[in-house]
């Protein structure tokens, strides 16, 4: 696969409950099967139910804003520079706790069997 550059906000916005998203690249555009990445803006001030639950792993990196994240039964503070991981099959949810939107770069990647 040749090099590709994907500009922020170069694709359509996808609306999710409590957030909207710009996809950087899809699984089809990725050099690795099962990997995709996007930038999400969270505007919800309460956790959205049902929580996210995926067959793959999901990583998060907070770009701006403040919030909280539940992974399994634990709650964590989110702030710029914080990175989190929600392993496959573990429920998780995010909410903002400041006036500004919570901007998070997130990516999905497959579970690798050993």
C-alpha atoms as a PDB file:
ATOM      1  CA  UNK A   1       0.000   0.000   0.000  1.00  0.00           C
ATOM      2  CA  UNK A   2       1.344   3.449  -0.919  1.00  0.00           C
ATOM      3  CA  UNK A   3       1.535   6.346   1.477  1.00  0.00           C
ATOM      4  CA  UNK A   4      -1.704   8.210   2.045  1.00  0.00           C
ATOM      5  CA  UNK A   5      -2.449  11.440   3.839  1.00  0.00           C
ATOM      6  CA  UNK A   6      -5.913  11.949   5.265  1.00  0.00           C
ATOM      7  CA  UNK A   7      -6.819  15.509   6.198  1.00  0.00           C
ATOM      8  CA  UNK A   8      -8.852  16.214   9.298  1.00  0.00           C
ATOM      9  CA  UNK A   9     -12.500  16.824   8.393  1.00  0.00           C
ATOM     10  CA  UNK A  10     -11.886  15.753   4.786  1.00  0.00           C
ATOM     11  CA  UNK A  11     -14.754  13.265   4.861  1.00  0.00           C
ATOM     12  CA  UNK A  12     -18.424  13.345   5.770  1.00  0.00           C
ATOM     13  CA  UNK A  13     -19.573  13.777   9.354  1.00  0.00           C
ATOM     14  CA  UNK A  14     -21.188  10.739  10.977  1.00  0.00           C
ATOM     15  CA  UNK A  15     -23.646  11.468  13.786  1.00  0.00           C
ATOM     16  CA  UNK A  16     -23.750   9.167  16.814  1.00  0.00           C
ATOM     17  CA  UNK A  17     -25.806   9.564  20.007  1.00  0.00           C
ATOM     18  CA  UNK A  18     -23.939  12.266  21.962  1.00  0.00           C
ATOM     19  CA  UNK A  19     -21.128  12.683  19.435  1.00  0.00           C
ATOM     20  CA  UNK A  20     -20.219  13.347  15.845  1.00  0.00           C
ATOM     21  CA  UNK A  21     -17.259  11.903  14.010  1.00  0.00           C
ATOM     22  CA  UNK A  22     -14.897  12.455  11.094  1.00  0.00           C
ATOM     23  CA  UNK A  23     -13.287   9.267   9.856  1.00  0.00           C
ATOM     24  CA  UNK A  24      -9.591   9.549   9.063  1.00  0.00           C
ATOM     25  CA  UNK A  25      -9.469   6.189   7.368  1.00  0.00           C
ATOM     26  CA  UNK A  26     -11.621   3.087   7.193  1.00  0.00           C
ATOM     27  CA  UNK A  27     -10.588  -0.532   7.454  1.00  0.00           C
ATOM     28  CA  UNK A  28     -10.532  -0.684   3.636  1.00  0.00           C
ATOM     29  CA  UNK A  29      -8.113   2.275   3.475  1.00  0.00           C
ATOM     30  CA  UNK A  30      -5.857   0.981   6.241  1.00  0.00           C
ATOM     31  CA  UNK A  31      -2.622  -0.886   5.694  1.00  0.00           C
ATOM     32  CA  UNK A  32      -3.687  -3.249   8.523  1.00  0.00           C
ATOM     33  CA  UNK A  33      -6.798  -5.413   8.386  1.00  0.00           C
ATOM     34  CA  UNK A  34      -9.260  -4.421  11.092  1.00  0.00           C
ATOM     35  CA  UNK A  35      -7.769  -0.991  11.833  1.00  0.00           C
ATOM     36  CA  UNK A  36      -9.696   2.284  11.431  1.00  0.00           C
ATOM     37  CA  UNK A  37      -9.320   5.758  12.933  1.00  0.00           C
ATOM     38  CA  UNK A  38     -11.497   8.825  13.485  1.00  0.00           C
ATOM     39  CA  UNK A  39     -11.841  12.093  15.403  1.00  0.00           C
ATOM     40  CA  UNK A  40     -14.919  12.310  17.617  1.00  0.00           C
ATOM     41  CA  UNK A  41     -16.454  15.369  19.247  1.00  0.00           C
ATOM     42  CA  UNK A  42     -18.512  14.458  22.317  1.00  0.00           C
ATOM     43  CA  UNK A  43     -21.215  16.901  23.420  1.00  0.00           C
ATOM     44  CA  UNK A  44     -23.221  14.628  25.730  1.00  0.00           C
ATOM     45  CA  UNK A  45     -23.119  15.492  29.446  1.00  0.00           C
ATOM     46  CA  UNK A  46     -24.451  12.093  30.568  1.00  0.00           C
ATOM     47  CA  UNK A  47     -23.290   8.603  29.626  1.00  0.00           C
ATOM     48  CA  UNK A  48     -25.166   7.265  26.596  1.00  0.00           C
ATOM     49  CA  UNK A  49     -26.872   3.926  27.244  1.00  0.00           C
ATOM     50  CA  UNK A  50     -26.304   1.259  26.074  1.00  0.00           C
ATOM     51  CA  UNK A  51     -22.544   1.574  26.501  1.00  0.00           C
ATOM     52  CA  UNK A  52     -20.221   0.843  23.592  1.00  0.00           C
ATOM     53  CA  UNK A  53     -19.296  -2.795  23.219  1.00  0.00           C
ATOM     54  CA  UNK A  54     -17.120  -4.060  20.368  1.00  0.00           C
ATOM     55  CA  UNK A  55     -15.580  -7.257  19.028  1.00  0.00           C
ATOM     56  CA  UNK A  56     -12.307  -5.354  18.596  1.00  0.00           C
ATOM     57  CA  UNK A  57     -10.131  -3.155  20.827  1.00  0.00           C
ATOM     58  CA  UNK A  58     -10.662   0.600  20.906  1.00  0.00           C
ATOM     59  CA  UNK A  59      -8.032   3.192  21.801  1.00  0.00           C
ATOM     60  CA  UNK A  60      -8.669   6.822  22.741  1.00  0.00           C
ATOM     61  CA  UNK A  61      -6.472   9.940  22.917  1.00  0.00           C
ATOM     62  CA  UNK A  62      -7.942  13.159  24.346  1.00  0.00           C
ATOM     63  CA  UNK A  63      -7.100  16.165  22.171  1.00  0.00           C
ATOM     64  CA  UNK A  64      -9.158  18.836  23.979  1.00  0.00           C
ATOM     65  CA  UNK A  65     -11.848  19.257  26.607  1.00  0.00           C
ATOM     66  CA  UNK A  66     -12.503  17.365  29.814  1.00  0.00           C
ATOM     67  CA  UNK A  67     -14.703  14.407  30.550  1.00  0.00           C
ATOM     68  CA  UNK A  68     -15.176  11.051  32.194  1.00  0.00           C
ATOM     69  CA  UNK A  69     -14.945   7.547  30.795  1.00  0.00           C
ATOM     70  CA  UNK A  70     -16.287   4.278  32.134  1.00  0.00           C
ATOM     71  CA  UNK A  71     -14.424   1.133  31.099  1.00  0.00           C
ATOM     72  CA  UNK A  72     -15.994  -1.962  32.609  1.00  0.00           C
ATOM     73  CA  UNK A  73     -16.880  -0.923  36.164  1.00  0.00           C
ATOM     74  CA  UNK A  74     -14.150   1.734  36.586  1.00  0.00           C
ATOM     75  CA  UNK A  75     -14.541   5.479  35.927  1.00  0.00           C
ATOM     76  CA  UNK A  76     -11.606   7.651  34.771  1.00  0.00           C
ATOM     77  CA  UNK A  77     -10.988  11.382  34.272  1.00  0.00           C
ATOM     78  CA  UNK A  78     -10.303  12.570  30.735  1.00  0.00           C
ATOM     79  CA  UNK A  79      -8.167  15.619  29.906  1.00  0.00           C
ATOM     80  CA  UNK A  80      -5.870  16.621  27.035  1.00  0.00           C
ATOM     81  CA  UNK A  81      -2.993  14.176  26.630  1.00  0.00           C
ATOM     82  CA  UNK A  82      -4.749  11.243  28.345  1.00  0.00           C
ATOM     83  CA  UNK A  83      -4.852   7.942  26.444  1.00  0.00           C
ATOM     84  CA  UNK A  84      -7.238   5.079  27.259  1.00  0.00           C
ATOM     85  CA  UNK A  85      -7.879   1.559  26.002  1.00  0.00           C
ATOM     86  CA  UNK A  86     -11.196  -0.283  25.994  1.00  0.00           C
ATOM     87  CA  UNK A  87     -10.386  -3.944  25.355  1.00  0.00           C
ATOM     88  CA  UNK A  88     -12.655  -6.038  23.156  1.00  0.00           C
ATOM     89  CA  UNK A  89     -15.915  -7.144  24.809  1.00  0.00           C
ATOM     90  CA  UNK A  90     -15.622  -4.573  27.653  1.00  0.00           C
ATOM     91  CA  UNK A  91     -18.458  -2.010  27.901  1.00  0.00           C
ATOM     92  CA  UNK A  92     -17.361   1.639  27.813  1.00  0.00           C
ATOM     93  CA  UNK A  93     -18.863   5.130  27.646  1.00  0.00           C
ATOM     94  CA  UNK A  94     -17.692   8.753  27.511  1.00  0.00           C
ATOM     95  CA  UNK A  95     -19.231  12.047  28.618  1.00  0.00           C
ATOM     96  CA  UNK A  96     -17.959  15.631  28.668  1.00  0.00           C
ATOM     97  CA  UNK A  97     -17.661  17.546  31.942  1.00  0.00           C
ATOM     98  CA  UNK A  98     -16.559  21.006  30.735  1.00  0.00           C
ATOM     99  CA  UNK A  99     -18.152  23.764  28.660  1.00  0.00           C
ATOM    100  CA  UNK A 100     -16.033  23.010  25.615  1.00  0.00           C
ATOM    101  CA  UNK A 101     -16.589  19.948  23.462  1.00  0.00           C
ATOM    102  CA  UNK A 102     -14.570  16.877  24.280  1.00  0.00           C
ATOM    103  CA  UNK A 103     -12.437  16.054  21.221  1.00  0.00           C
ATOM    104  CA  UNK A 104     -10.990  12.533  21.106  1.00  0.00           C
ATOM    105  CA  UNK A 105      -8.946  10.761  18.453  1.00  0.00           C
ATOM    106  CA  UNK A 106     -10.027   7.124  18.532  1.00  0.00           C
ATOM    107  CA  UNK A 107      -9.076   4.014  16.684  1.00  0.00           C
ATOM    108  CA  UNK A 108     -10.231   0.416  16.441  1.00  0.00           C
ATOM    109  CA  UNK A 109      -7.815  -2.458  16.067  1.00  0.00           C
ATOM    110  CA  UNK A 110      -8.268  -6.227  16.061  1.00  0.00           C
ATOM    111  CA  UNK A 111      -7.659  -8.676  18.843  1.00  0.00           C
ATOM    112  CA  UNK A 112      -4.528 -10.680  18.035  1.00  0.00           C
ATOM    113  CA  UNK A 113      -4.666 -14.293  19.149  1.00  0.00           C
ATOM    114  CA  UNK A 114      -1.416 -15.603  20.594  1.00  0.00           C
END
